[in-house]
Amino acid sequence: MADQVTSGTVVQGPEPGTPGGHETNHGRVVSWVSVVIIMAAFLSGGLALMIGPTWWLFWTSLGIAVIGGLLGLATHILDDWY
């Protein structure tokens, strides 16, 4: 009964476009893929510096991070935020 405003009307949440009424996981799949590529590259590059340093893994991770960034730029990742 606490969710009912009037008889027969149930409030389910804020309307889209109002503060607090937003969709989860904004963006396209390709944007999330590029973010995951960049994050994995930074993680592996950081691990490469901690365990050695293992320079070949560090430079490979840096190259993968750059590729992920270029993928993000090519697919207009910055247009996905609302």
N, C-alpha and C. Protein backbone atom coordinates (compact mmCIF):
# COMPACT_ATOMS: atom_id res chain seq x y z
N MET A 1 0.81 -1.19 0.00
CA MET A 1 0.00 0.00 0.00
C MET A 1 0.86 1.26 0.00
N ALA A 2 2.10 1.17 0.47
CA ALA A 2 2.94 2.36 0.55
C ALA A 2 3.33 2.86 -0.84
N ASP A 3 3.33 1.97 -1.84
CA ASP A 3 3.72 2.37 -3.18
C ASP A 3 2.55 2.94 -3.97
N GLN A 4 1.38 2.91 -3.43
CA GLN A 4 0.21 3.37 -4.17
C GLN A 4 -0.08 4.83 -3.86
N VAL A 5 -0.21 5.63 -4.93
CA VAL A 5 -0.54 7.04 -4.77
C VAL A 5 -2.04 7.19 -4.59
N THR A 6 -2.77 6.64 -5.52
CA THR A 6 -4.24 6.62 -5.41
C THR A 6 -4.70 5.21 -5.71
N SER A 7 -5.95 5.01 -5.59
CA SER A 7 -6.49 3.68 -5.82
C SER A 7 -6.18 3.23 -7.24
N GLY A 8 -5.41 2.14 -7.40
CA GLY A 8 -5.13 1.58 -8.71
C GLY A 8 -3.89 2.13 -9.38
N THR A 9 -3.24 3.15 -8.81
CA THR A 9 -2.04 3.73 -9.40
C THR A 9 -0.83 3.31 -8.57
N VAL A 10 0.13 2.66 -9.21
CA VAL A 10 1.33 2.19 -8.53
C VAL A 10 2.52 2.97 -9.06
N VAL A 11 3.30 3.54 -8.17
CA VAL A 11 4.51 4.27 -8.54
C VAL A 11 5.64 3.27 -8.65
N GLN A 12 6.28 3.20 -9.83
CA GLN A 12 7.34 2.22 -10.04
C GLN A 12 8.73 2.83 -10.02
N GLY A 13 8.87 4.10 -10.09
CA GLY A 13 10.19 4.73 -10.06
C GLY A 13 10.16 6.03 -10.82
N PRO A 14 11.27 6.73 -10.80
CA PRO A 14 11.32 8.01 -11.51
C PRO A 14 11.21 7.82 -13.02
N GLU A 15 10.66 8.81 -13.65
CA GLU A 15 10.52 8.78 -15.11
C GLU A 15 11.88 8.97 -15.76
N PRO A 16 12.11 8.36 -16.93
CA PRO A 16 13.37 8.59 -17.65
C PRO A 16 13.51 10.06 -17.99
N GLY A 17 14.72 10.58 -17.86
CA GLY A 17 14.98 11.98 -18.15
C GLY A 17 14.89 12.87 -16.93
N THR A 18 14.46 12.33 -15.80
CA THR A 18 14.41 13.11 -14.57
C THR A 18 15.62 12.73 -13.72
N PRO A 19 16.00 13.59 -12.78
CA PRO A 19 17.13 13.23 -11.91
C PRO A 19 16.83 11.92 -11.17
N GLY A 20 17.74 11.02 -11.23
CA GLY A 20 17.55 9.72 -10.60
C GLY A 20 16.88 8.71 -11.52
N GLY A 21 16.40 9.13 -12.67
CA GLY A 21 15.76 8.21 -13.60
C GLY A 21 16.63 7.99 -14.81
N HIS A 22 17.65 7.17 -14.67
CA HIS A 22 18.55 6.92 -15.79
C HIS A 22 18.72 5.43 -16.00
N GLU A 23 19.10 5.09 -17.19
CA GLU A 23 19.36 3.70 -17.51
C GLU A 23 20.72 3.30 -16.96
N THR A 24 20.90 2.04 -16.67
CA THR A 24 22.21 1.58 -16.25
C THR A 24 23.02 1.17 -17.47
N ASN A 25 24.32 1.18 -17.33
CA ASN A 25 25.24 0.79 -18.40
C ASN A 25 25.01 1.57 -19.68
N HIS A 26 25.21 2.87 -19.60
CA HIS A 26 25.10 3.70 -20.80
C HIS A 26 26.15 3.29 -21.81
N GLY A 27 25.90 3.59 -23.04
CA GLY A 27 26.89 3.37 -24.08
C GLY A 27 26.64 2.13 -24.91
N ARG A 28 27.41 2.09 -25.97
CA ARG A 28 27.31 0.96 -26.89
C ARG A 28 28.29 -0.13 -26.50
N VAL A 29 28.09 -1.29 -27.06
CA VAL A 29 28.95 -2.44 -26.74
C VAL A 29 30.38 -2.16 -27.18
N VAL A 30 30.56 -1.55 -28.33
CA VAL A 30 31.92 -1.29 -28.82
C VAL A 30 32.65 -0.33 -27.89
N SER A 31 31.94 0.57 -27.26
CA SER A 31 32.57 1.48 -26.30
C SER A 31 33.04 0.72 -25.07
N TRP A 32 32.21 -0.19 -24.59
CA TRP A 32 32.60 -0.98 -23.43
C TRP A 32 33.76 -1.91 -23.77
N VAL A 33 33.80 -2.42 -25.00
CA VAL A 33 34.91 -3.29 -25.41
C VAL A 33 36.22 -2.51 -25.40
N SER A 34 36.21 -1.29 -25.91
CA SER A 34 37.43 -0.50 -25.92
C SER A 34 37.87 -0.15 -24.49
N VAL A 35 36.92 0.11 -23.60
CA VAL A 35 37.27 0.39 -22.20
C VAL A 35 37.89 -0.85 -21.55
N VAL A 36 37.32 -2.02 -21.81
CA VAL A 36 37.86 -3.25 -21.24
C VAL A 36 39.27 -3.53 -21.78
N ILE A 37 39.50 -3.26 -23.06
CA ILE A 37 40.83 -3.44 -23.65
C ILE A 37 41.84 -2.54 -22.96
N ILE A 38 41.48 -1.26 -22.77
CA ILE A 38 42.39 -0.31 -22.14
C ILE A 38 42.67 -0.70 -20.69
N MET A 39 41.61 -1.09 -19.96
CA MET A 39 41.80 -1.47 -18.56
C MET A 39 42.66 -2.72 -18.42
N ALA A 40 42.46 -3.71 -19.28
CA ALA A 40 43.27 -4.93 -19.23
C ALA A 40 44.73 -4.62 -19.56
N ALA A 41 44.94 -3.71 -20.51
CA ALA A 41 46.30 -3.34 -20.87
C ALA A 41 47.00 -2.63 -19.72
N PHE A 42 46.30 -1.72 -19.04
CA PHE A 42 46.91 -1.05 -17.90
C PHE A 42 47.20 -2.02 -16.76
N LEU A 43 46.31 -2.96 -16.54
CA LEU A 43 46.53 -3.95 -15.50
C LEU A 43 47.74 -4.81 -15.81
N SER A 44 47.83 -5.31 -17.02
CA SER A 44 48.97 -6.17 -17.37
C SER A 44 50.27 -5.37 -17.41
N GLY A 45 50.20 -4.11 -17.82
CA GLY A 45 51.41 -3.28 -17.80
C GLY A 45 51.89 -3.01 -16.39
N GLY A 46 50.96 -2.76 -15.48
CA GLY A 46 51.33 -2.56 -14.09
C GLY A 46 51.91 -3.82 -13.47
N LEU A 47 51.31 -4.96 -13.78
CA LEU A 47 51.85 -6.22 -13.28
C LEU A 47 53.23 -6.49 -13.85
N ALA A 48 53.44 -6.12 -15.11
CA ALA A 48 54.75 -6.32 -15.74
C ALA A 48 55.83 -5.52 -15.02
N LEU A 49 55.48 -4.33 -14.55
CA LEU A 49 56.47 -3.53 -13.81
C LEU A 49 56.71 -4.07 -12.41
N MET A 50 55.69 -4.67 -11.82
CA MET A 50 55.84 -5.18 -10.45
C MET A 50 56.61 -6.50 -10.40
N ILE A 51 56.48 -7.35 -11.40
CA ILE A 51 57.09 -8.69 -11.32
C ILE A 51 58.48 -8.74 -11.92
N GLY A 52 59.02 -7.67 -12.35
CA GLY A 52 60.31 -7.81 -13.00
C GLY A 52 61.27 -6.66 -12.77
N PRO A 53 61.21 -5.70 -13.49
CA PRO A 53 60.24 -5.39 -14.55
C PRO A 53 60.45 -6.25 -15.80
N THR A 54 59.34 -6.66 -16.36
CA THR A 54 59.33 -7.42 -17.60
C THR A 54 59.00 -6.45 -18.72
N TRP A 55 60.05 -5.94 -19.34
CA TRP A 55 59.87 -4.84 -20.27
C TRP A 55 59.09 -5.22 -21.51
N TRP A 56 59.25 -6.40 -22.04
CA TRP A 56 58.52 -6.77 -23.26
C TRP A 56 57.01 -6.77 -23.00
N LEU A 57 56.60 -7.22 -21.81
CA LEU A 57 55.17 -7.23 -21.48
C LEU A 57 54.66 -5.82 -21.24
N PHE A 58 55.49 -4.98 -20.63
CA PHE A 58 55.10 -3.59 -20.42
C PHE A 58 54.86 -2.87 -21.74
N TRP A 59 55.81 -2.99 -22.68
CA TRP A 59 55.67 -2.29 -23.95
C TRP A 59 54.54 -2.87 -24.81
N THR A 60 54.33 -4.17 -24.71
CA THR A 60 53.20 -4.79 -25.41
C THR A 60 51.88 -4.27 -24.85
N SER A 61 51.81 -4.16 -23.53
CA SER A 61 50.59 -3.64 -22.88
C SER A 61 50.35 -2.20 -23.26
N LEU A 62 51.42 -1.43 -23.34
CA LEU A 62 51.28 -0.03 -23.76
C LEU A 62 50.73 0.05 -25.18
N GLY A 63 51.23 -0.80 -26.07
CA GLY A 63 50.72 -0.83 -27.44
C GLY A 63 49.25 -1.22 -27.50
N ILE A 64 48.85 -2.18 -26.67
CA ILE A 64 47.44 -2.59 -26.64
C ILE A 64 46.57 -1.47 -26.10
N ALA A 65 47.07 -0.73 -25.09
CA ALA A 65 46.31 0.40 -24.56
C ALA A 65 46.12 1.49 -25.63
N VAL A 66 47.15 1.72 -26.41
CA VAL A 66 47.05 2.70 -27.50
C VAL A 66 46.04 2.23 -28.54
N ILE A 67 46.05 0.95 -28.87
CA ILE A 67 45.07 0.40 -29.82
C ILE A 67 43.66 0.55 -29.28
N GLY A 68 43.47 0.28 -27.98
CA GLY A 68 42.15 0.48 -27.37
C GLY A 68 41.71 1.93 -27.41
N GLY A 69 42.64 2.84 -27.17
CA GLY A 69 42.32 4.27 -27.26
C GLY A 69 41.96 4.69 -28.67
N LEU A 70 42.69 4.18 -29.65
CA LEU A 70 42.37 4.50 -31.04
C LEU A 70 41.02 3.91 -31.45
N LEU A 71 40.70 2.72 -30.94
CA LEU A 71 39.39 2.14 -31.19
C LEU A 71 38.29 3.01 -30.60
N GLY A 72 38.52 3.51 -29.40
CA GLY A 72 37.55 4.41 -28.78
C GLY A 72 37.37 5.69 -29.56
N LEU A 73 38.46 6.27 -30.04
CA LEU A 73 38.35 7.49 -30.83
C LEU A 73 37.66 7.23 -32.17
N ALA A 74 37.97 6.10 -32.79
CA ALA A 74 37.40 5.79 -34.10
C ALA A 74 35.90 5.54 -34.01
N THR A 75 35.44 5.05 -32.87
CA THR A 75 34.01 4.74 -32.72
C THR A 75 33.26 5.83 -31.97
N HIS A 76 33.92 6.97 -31.75
CA HIS A 76 33.29 8.13 -31.09
C HIS A 76 32.77 7.75 -29.71
N ILE A 77 33.67 7.23 -28.87
CA ILE A 77 33.28 6.79 -27.53
C ILE A 77 32.78 7.94 -26.68
N LEU A 78 33.27 9.15 -26.90
CA LEU A 78 32.87 10.29 -26.08
C LEU A 78 31.46 10.77 -26.38
N ASP A 79 30.86 10.29 -27.45
CA ASP A 79 29.47 10.64 -27.75
C ASP A 79 28.49 9.79 -26.97
N ASP A 80 28.97 8.79 -26.22
CA ASP A 80 28.08 7.86 -25.53
C ASP A 80 27.62 8.35 -24.17
N TRP A 81 28.28 9.30 -23.57
CA TRP A 81 27.84 9.74 -22.25
C TRP A 81 26.63 10.63 -22.41
N TYR A 82 25.76 10.58 -21.45
CA TYR A 82 24.48 11.29 -21.58
C TYR A 82 24.42 12.42 -20.60
